[in-house]
Structure formats: C-alpha cells, structure tokens
Amino acid sequence: MLEMRNLCEHCNKTFTNESTDAMICSFECTFCRDCVENILESTCPNCGGEFQKRPTRITKE
C-alpha cells in the first residue's frame, strides 16, 4: 500500500490524504508541486527519479 506521507521533504508543507498538491517519485519521496516545479526541476534529489501526482485517498469515517 502506498505510504501517504504528510510533509514536503523540502519546505515541510503539510498534506492531507485528499491533497492534490503532493508529488511522489517511485520510491515515494514526497514533495509539494511548487518545490518540484520551481526548485527541484522535476527530478527527485534523493533518487534521481521523476515525479508524478500522488493519488488521493478518501478517509472513511
């Protein structure tokens, strides 16, 4: 199961499971869209992988 990390690894912005701003690489490194596009140039600094939009997960009550 995908780990839904709740912080950008660069700027510490927080995410909810429903957030559409979270981006992940194949190792599930997690960054916000702003850091990915404007600072990291779409390349993960940890593994060199590319980023994709993280899927959302609706929390059941």
PDB file of N, CA and C in Angstrom:
ATOM      1  N   MET A   1       0.844  -1.176   0.000  1.00  0.00           N
ATOM      2  CA  MET A   1       0.000   0.000   0.000  1.00  0.00           C
ATOM      3  C   MET A   1       0.892   1.243   0.000  1.00  0.00           C
ATOM      4  N   LEU A   2       0.472   2.228  -0.735  1.00  0.00           N
ATOM      5  CA  LEU A   2       1.199   3.490  -0.839  1.00  0.00           C
ATOM      6  C   LEU A   2       1.220   4.214   0.500  1.00  0.00           C
ATOM      7  N   GLU A   3       2.417   4.622   0.923  1.00  0.00           N
ATOM      8  CA  GLU A   3       2.532   5.402   2.155  1.00  0.00           C
ATOM      9  C   GLU A   3       2.146   6.844   1.849  1.00  0.00           C
ATOM     10  N   MET A   4       1.188   7.356   2.586  1.00  0.00           N
ATOM     11  CA  MET A   4       0.707   8.717   2.354  1.00  0.00           C
ATOM     12  C   MET A   4       1.439   9.671   3.296  1.00  0.00           C
ATOM     13  N   ARG A   5       2.658  10.032   2.947  1.00  0.00           N
ATOM     14  CA  ARG A   5       3.435  10.945   3.779  1.00  0.00           C
ATOM     15  C   ARG A   5       2.768  12.314   3.786  1.00  0.00           C
ATOM     16  N   ASN A   6       2.858  13.003   4.921  1.00  0.00           N
ATOM     17  CA  ASN A   6       2.088  14.235   5.057  1.00  0.00           C
ATOM     18  C   ASN A   6       2.924  15.507   5.075  1.00  0.00           C
ATOM     19  N   LEU A   7       4.208  15.427   4.669  1.00  0.00           N
ATOM     20  CA  LEU A   7       5.067  16.613   4.634  1.00  0.00           C
ATOM     21  C   LEU A   7       5.900  16.660   3.353  1.00  0.00           C
ATOM     22  N   CYS A   8       6.070  17.870   2.825  1.00  0.00           N
ATOM     23  CA  CYS A   8       7.023  18.073   1.734  1.00  0.00           C
ATOM     24  C   CYS A   8       8.427  17.922   2.326  1.00  0.00           C
ATOM     25  N   GLU A   9       9.253  17.105   1.712  1.00  0.00           N
ATOM     26  CA  GLU A   9      10.602  16.860   2.220  1.00  0.00           C
ATOM     27  C   GLU A   9      11.531  18.068   2.055  1.00  0.00           C
ATOM     28  N   HIS A  10      11.097  19.078   1.317  1.00  0.00           N
ATOM     29  CA  HIS A  10      11.928  20.271   1.130  1.00  0.00           C
ATOM     30  C   HIS A  10      11.473  21.437   2.003  1.00  0.00           C
ATOM     31  N   CYS A  11      10.206  21.808   1.920  1.00  0.00           N
ATOM     32  CA  CYS A  11       9.729  23.008   2.621  1.00  0.00           C
ATOM     33  C   CYS A  11       8.846  22.709   3.831  1.00  0.00           C
ATOM     34  N   ASN A  12       8.570  21.435   4.084  1.00  0.00           N
ATOM     35  CA  ASN A  12       7.736  20.994   5.213  1.00  0.00           C
ATOM     36  C   ASN A  12       6.270  21.403   5.127  1.00  0.00           C
ATOM     37  N   LYS A  13       5.791  21.715   3.930  1.00  0.00           N
ATOM     38  CA  LYS A  13       4.360  21.971   3.746  1.00  0.00           C
ATOM     39  C   LYS A  13       3.611  20.696   4.104  1.00  0.00           C
ATOM     40  N   THR A  14       2.476  20.829   4.766  1.00  0.00           N
ATOM     41  CA  THR A  14       1.705  19.648   5.160  1.00  0.00           C
ATOM     42  C   THR A  14       0.651  19.305   4.110  1.00  0.00           C
ATOM     43  N   PHE A  15       0.347  18.007   4.009  1.00  0.00           N
ATOM     44  CA  PHE A  15      -0.660  17.492   3.084  1.00  0.00           C
ATOM     45  C   PHE A  15      -1.685  16.666   3.846  1.00  0.00           C
ATOM     46  N   THR A  16      -2.882  16.632   3.342  1.00  0.00           N
ATOM     47  CA  THR A  16      -3.887  15.679   3.800  1.00  0.00           C
ATOM     48  C   THR A  16      -3.897  14.528   2.802  1.00  0.00           C
ATOM     49  N   ASN A  17      -4.594  13.448   3.126  1.00  0.00           N
ATOM     50  CA  ASN A  17      -4.704  12.330   2.185  1.00  0.00           C
ATOM     51  C   ASN A  17      -5.436  12.731   0.910  1.00  0.00           C
ATOM     52  N   GLU A  18      -6.247  13.775   1.000  1.00  0.00           N
ATOM     53  CA  GLU A  18      -7.022  14.246  -0.152  1.00  0.00           C
ATOM     54  C   GLU A  18      -6.292  15.312  -0.960  1.00  0.00           C
ATOM     55  N   SER A  19      -5.094  15.705  -0.536  1.00  0.00           N
ATOM     56  CA  SER A  19      -4.363  16.794  -1.188  1.00  0.00           C
ATOM     57  C   SER A  19      -4.015  16.462  -2.637  1.00  0.00           C
ATOM     58  N   THR A  20      -4.202  17.453  -3.503  1.00  0.00           N
ATOM     59  CA  THR A  20      -3.819  17.303  -4.910  1.00  0.00           C
ATOM     60  C   THR A  20      -2.489  17.996  -5.193  1.00  0.00           C
ATOM     61  N   ASP A  21      -1.835  18.507  -4.153  1.00  0.00           N
ATOM     62  CA  ASP A  21      -0.577  19.234  -4.300  1.00  0.00           C
ATOM     63  C   ASP A  21       0.649  18.347  -4.083  1.00  0.00           C
ATOM     64  N   ALA A  22       0.458  17.131  -3.602  1.00  0.00           N
ATOM     65  CA  ALA A  22       1.582  16.238  -3.299  1.00  0.00           C
ATOM     66  C   ALA A  22       2.075  15.532  -4.566  1.00  0.00           C
ATOM     67  N   MET A  23       3.396  15.458  -4.702  1.00  0.00           N
ATOM     68  CA  MET A  23       4.043  14.780  -5.825  1.00  0.00           C
ATOM     69  C   MET A  23       4.965  13.706  -5.247  1.00  0.00           C
ATOM     70  N   ILE A  24       5.052  12.531  -5.903  1.00  0.00           N
ATOM     71  CA  ILE A  24       5.908  11.456  -5.423  1.00  0.00           C
ATOM     72  C   ILE A  24       6.753  10.888  -6.554  1.00  0.00           C
ATOM     73  N   CYS A  25       7.873  10.245  -6.173  1.00  0.00           N
ATOM     74  CA  CYS A  25       8.678   9.506  -7.140  1.00  0.00           C
ATOM     75  C   CYS A  25       8.421   8.012  -6.902  1.00  0.00           C
ATOM     76  N   SER A  26       9.104   7.138  -7.615  1.00  0.00           N
ATOM     77  CA  SER A  26       8.850   5.702  -7.485  1.00  0.00           C
ATOM     78  C   SER A  26       9.243   5.143  -6.118  1.00  0.00           C
ATOM     79  N   PHE A  27      10.059   5.865  -5.348  1.00  0.00           N
ATOM     80  CA  PHE A  27      10.425   5.444  -4.001  1.00  0.00           C
ATOM     81  C   PHE A  27       9.556   6.127  -2.947  1.00  0.00           C
ATOM     82  N   GLU A  28       8.513   6.819  -3.388  1.00  0.00           N
ATOM     83  CA  GLU A  28       7.563   7.527  -2.542  1.00  0.00           C
ATOM     84  C   GLU A  28       8.162   8.727  -1.811  1.00  0.00           C
ATOM     85  N   CYS A  29       9.295   9.250  -2.306  1.00  0.00           N
ATOM     86  CA  CYS A  29       9.782  10.528  -1.794  1.00  0.00           C
ATOM     87  C   CYS A  29       8.671  11.525  -2.097  1.00  0.00           C
ATOM     88  N   THR A  30       8.357  12.402  -1.165  1.00  0.00           N
ATOM     89  CA  THR A  30       7.179  13.262  -1.284  1.00  0.00           C
ATOM     90  C   THR A  30       7.549  14.737  -1.182  1.00  0.00           C
ATOM     91  N   PHE A  31       7.095  15.500  -2.177  1.00  0.00           N
ATOM     92  CA  PHE A  31       7.364  16.931  -2.229  1.00  0.00           C
ATOM     93  C   PHE A  31       6.105  17.641  -2.710  1.00  0.00           C
ATOM     94  N   CYS A  32       5.988  18.944  -2.428  1.00  0.00           N
ATOM     95  CA  CYS A  32       4.847  19.706  -2.929  1.00  0.00           C
ATOM     96  C   CYS A  32       5.105  20.090  -4.392  1.00  0.00           C
ATOM     97  N   ARG A  33       4.028  20.364  -5.083  1.00  0.00           N
ATOM     98  CA  ARG A  33       4.113  20.714  -6.506  1.00  0.00           C
ATOM     99  C   ARG A  33       5.006  21.937  -6.735  1.00  0.00           C
ATOM    100  N   ASP A  34       4.920  22.931  -5.854  1.00  0.00           N
ATOM    101  CA  ASP A  34       5.726  24.141  -6.010  1.00  0.00           C
ATOM    102  C   ASP A  34       7.225  23.820  -5.951  1.00  0.00           C
ATOM    103  N   CYS A  35       7.657  23.025  -4.984  1.00  0.00           N
ATOM    104  CA  CYS A  35       9.077  22.662  -4.888  1.00  0.00           C
ATOM    105  C   CYS A  35       9.515  21.833  -6.093  1.00  0.00           C
ATOM    106  N   VAL A  36       8.669  20.886  -6.514  1.00  0.00           N
ATOM    107  CA  VAL A  36       9.006  20.036  -7.664  1.00  0.00           C
ATOM    108  C   VAL A  36       9.203  20.870  -8.927  1.00  0.00           C
ATOM    109  N   GLU A  37       8.282  21.771  -9.185  1.00  0.00           N
ATOM    110  CA  GLU A  37       8.325  22.538 -10.431  1.00  0.00           C
ATOM    111  C   GLU A  37       9.317  23.692 -10.409  1.00  0.00           C
ATOM    112  N   ASN A  38       9.476  24.366  -9.273  1.00  0.00           N
ATOM    113  CA  ASN A  38      10.272  25.594  -9.239  1.00  0.00           C
ATOM    114  C   ASN A  38      11.661  25.456  -8.628  1.00  0.00           C
ATOM    115  N   ILE A  39      11.898  24.422  -7.856  1.00  0.00           N
ATOM    116  CA  ILE A  39      13.197  24.267  -7.208  1.00  0.00           C
ATOM    117  C   ILE A  39      13.918  22.997  -7.671  1.00  0.00           C
ATOM    118  N   LEU A  40      13.195  21.884  -7.681  1.00  0.00           N
ATOM    119  CA  LEU A  40      13.816  20.587  -7.977  1.00  0.00           C
ATOM    120  C   LEU A  40      13.866  20.254  -9.467  1.00  0.00           C
ATOM    121  N   GLU A  41      13.222  21.069 -10.287  1.00  0.00           N
ATOM    122  CA  GLU A  41      13.202  20.868 -11.745  1.00  0.00           C
ATOM    123  C   GLU A  41      12.713  19.473 -12.133  1.00  0.00           C
ATOM    124  N   SER A  42      11.706  18.984 -11.395  1.00  0.00           N
ATOM    125  CA  SER A  42      11.027  17.713 -11.662  1.00  0.00           C
ATOM    126  C   SER A  42      11.902  16.473 -11.515  1.00  0.00           C
ATOM    127  N   THR A  43      13.013  16.585 -10.798  1.00  0.00           N
ATOM    128  CA  THR A  43      13.889  15.436 -10.550  1.00  0.00           C
ATOM    129  C   THR A  43      14.079  15.268  -9.048  1.00  0.00           C
ATOM    130  N   CYS A  44      13.842  14.061  -8.553  1.00  0.00           N
ATOM    131  CA  CYS A  44      13.954  13.801  -7.122  1.00  0.00           C
ATOM    132  C   CYS A  44      15.410  13.929  -6.678  1.00  0.00           C
ATOM    133  N   PRO A  45      15.686  14.745  -5.659  1.00  0.00           N
ATOM    134  CA  PRO A  45      17.064  14.916  -5.187  1.00  0.00           C
ATOM    135  C   PRO A  45      17.575  13.702  -4.420  1.00  0.00           C
ATOM    136  N   ASN A  46      16.671  12.822  -3.986  1.00  0.00           N
ATOM    137  CA  ASN A  46      17.075  11.639  -3.227  1.00  0.00           C
ATOM    138  C   ASN A  46      17.482  10.473  -4.121  1.00  0.00           C
ATOM    139  N   CYS A  47      16.729  10.245  -5.197  1.00  0.00           N
ATOM    140  CA  CYS A  47      16.966   9.050  -6.020  1.00  0.00           C
ATOM    141  C   CYS A  47      17.141   9.354  -7.508  1.00  0.00           C
ATOM    142  N   GLY A  48      16.916  10.599  -7.923  1.00  0.00           N
ATOM    143  CA  GLY A  48      17.062  10.966  -9.331  1.00  0.00           C
ATOM    144  C   GLY A  48      15.857  10.622 -10.188  1.00  0.00           C
ATOM    145  N   GLY A  49      14.787  10.125  -9.560  1.00  0.00           N
ATOM    146  CA  GLY A  49      13.593   9.731 -10.304  1.00  0.00           C
ATOM    147  C   GLY A  49      12.716  10.905 -10.689  1.00  0.00           C
ATOM    148  N   GLU A  50      11.743  10.618 -11.554  1.00  0.00           N
ATOM    149  CA  GLU A  50      10.798  11.649 -11.958  1.00  0.00           C
ATOM    150  C   GLU A  50       9.604  11.645 -11.017  1.00  0.00           C
ATOM    151  N   PHE A  51       8.888  12.745 -10.978  1.00  0.00           N
ATOM    152  CA  PHE A  51       7.735  12.882 -10.103  1.00  0.00           C
ATOM    153  C   PHE A  51       6.437  12.684 -10.859  1.00  0.00           C
ATOM    154  N   GLN A  52       5.445  12.205 -10.114  1.00  0.00           N
ATOM    155  CA  GLN A  52       4.077  12.067 -10.593  1.00  0.00           C
ATOM    156  C   GLN A  52       3.163  12.605  -9.510  1.00  0.00           C
ATOM    157  N   LYS A  53       1.967  13.012  -9.899  1.00  0.00           N
ATOM    158  CA  LYS A  53       0.975  13.455  -8.925  1.00  0.00           C
ATOM    159  C   LYS A  53       0.627  12.275  -8.026  1.00  0.00           C
ATOM    160  N   ARG A  54       0.650  12.501  -6.716  1.00  0.00           N
ATOM    161  CA  ARG A  54       0.290  11.428  -5.788  1.00  0.00           C
ATOM    162  C   ARG A  54      -1.210  11.221  -5.832  1.00  0.00           C
ATOM    163  N   PRO A  55      -1.678   9.977  -5.883  1.00  0.00           N
ATOM    164  CA  PRO A  55      -3.123   9.745  -5.848  1.00  0.00           C
ATOM    165  C   PRO A  55      -3.698  10.191  -4.517  1.00  0.00           C
ATOM    166  N   THR A  56      -4.973  10.505  -4.506  1.00  0.00           N
ATOM    167  CA  THR A  56      -5.641  10.887  -3.273  1.00  0.00           C
ATOM    168  C   THR A  56      -6.253   9.650  -2.618  1.00  0.00           C
ATOM    169  N   ARG A  57      -6.464   9.760  -1.340  1.00  0.00           N
ATOM    170  CA  ARG A  57      -7.117   8.670  -0.596  1.00  0.00           C
ATOM    171  C   ARG A  57      -8.163   9.305   0.289  1.00  0.00           C
ATOM    172  N   ILE A  58      -9.406   8.922   0.064  1.00  0.00           N
ATOM    173  CA  ILE A  58     -10.501   9.444   0.857  1.00  0.00           C
ATOM    174  C   ILE A  58     -10.546   8.672   2.176  1.00  0.00           C
ATOM    175  N   THR A  59     -10.542   9.405   3.269  1.00  0.00           N
ATOM    176  CA  THR A  59     -10.593   8.787   4.593  1.00  0.00           C
ATOM    177  C   THR A  59     -12.039   8.469   4.937  1.00  0.00           C
ATOM    178  N   LYS A  60     -12.296   7.179   5.233  1.00  0.00           N
ATOM    179  CA  LYS A  60     -13.644   6.774   5.612  1.00  0.00           C
ATOM    180  C   LYS A  60     -13.851   7.033   7.093  1.00  0.00           C
ATOM    181  N   GLU A  61     -15.001   7.521   7.407  1.00  0.00           N
ATOM    182  CA  GLU A  61     -15.304   7.848   8.805  1.00  0.00           C
ATOM    183  C   GLU A  61     -15.807   6.655   9.560  1.00  0.00           C
TER     184      GLU A  61
END
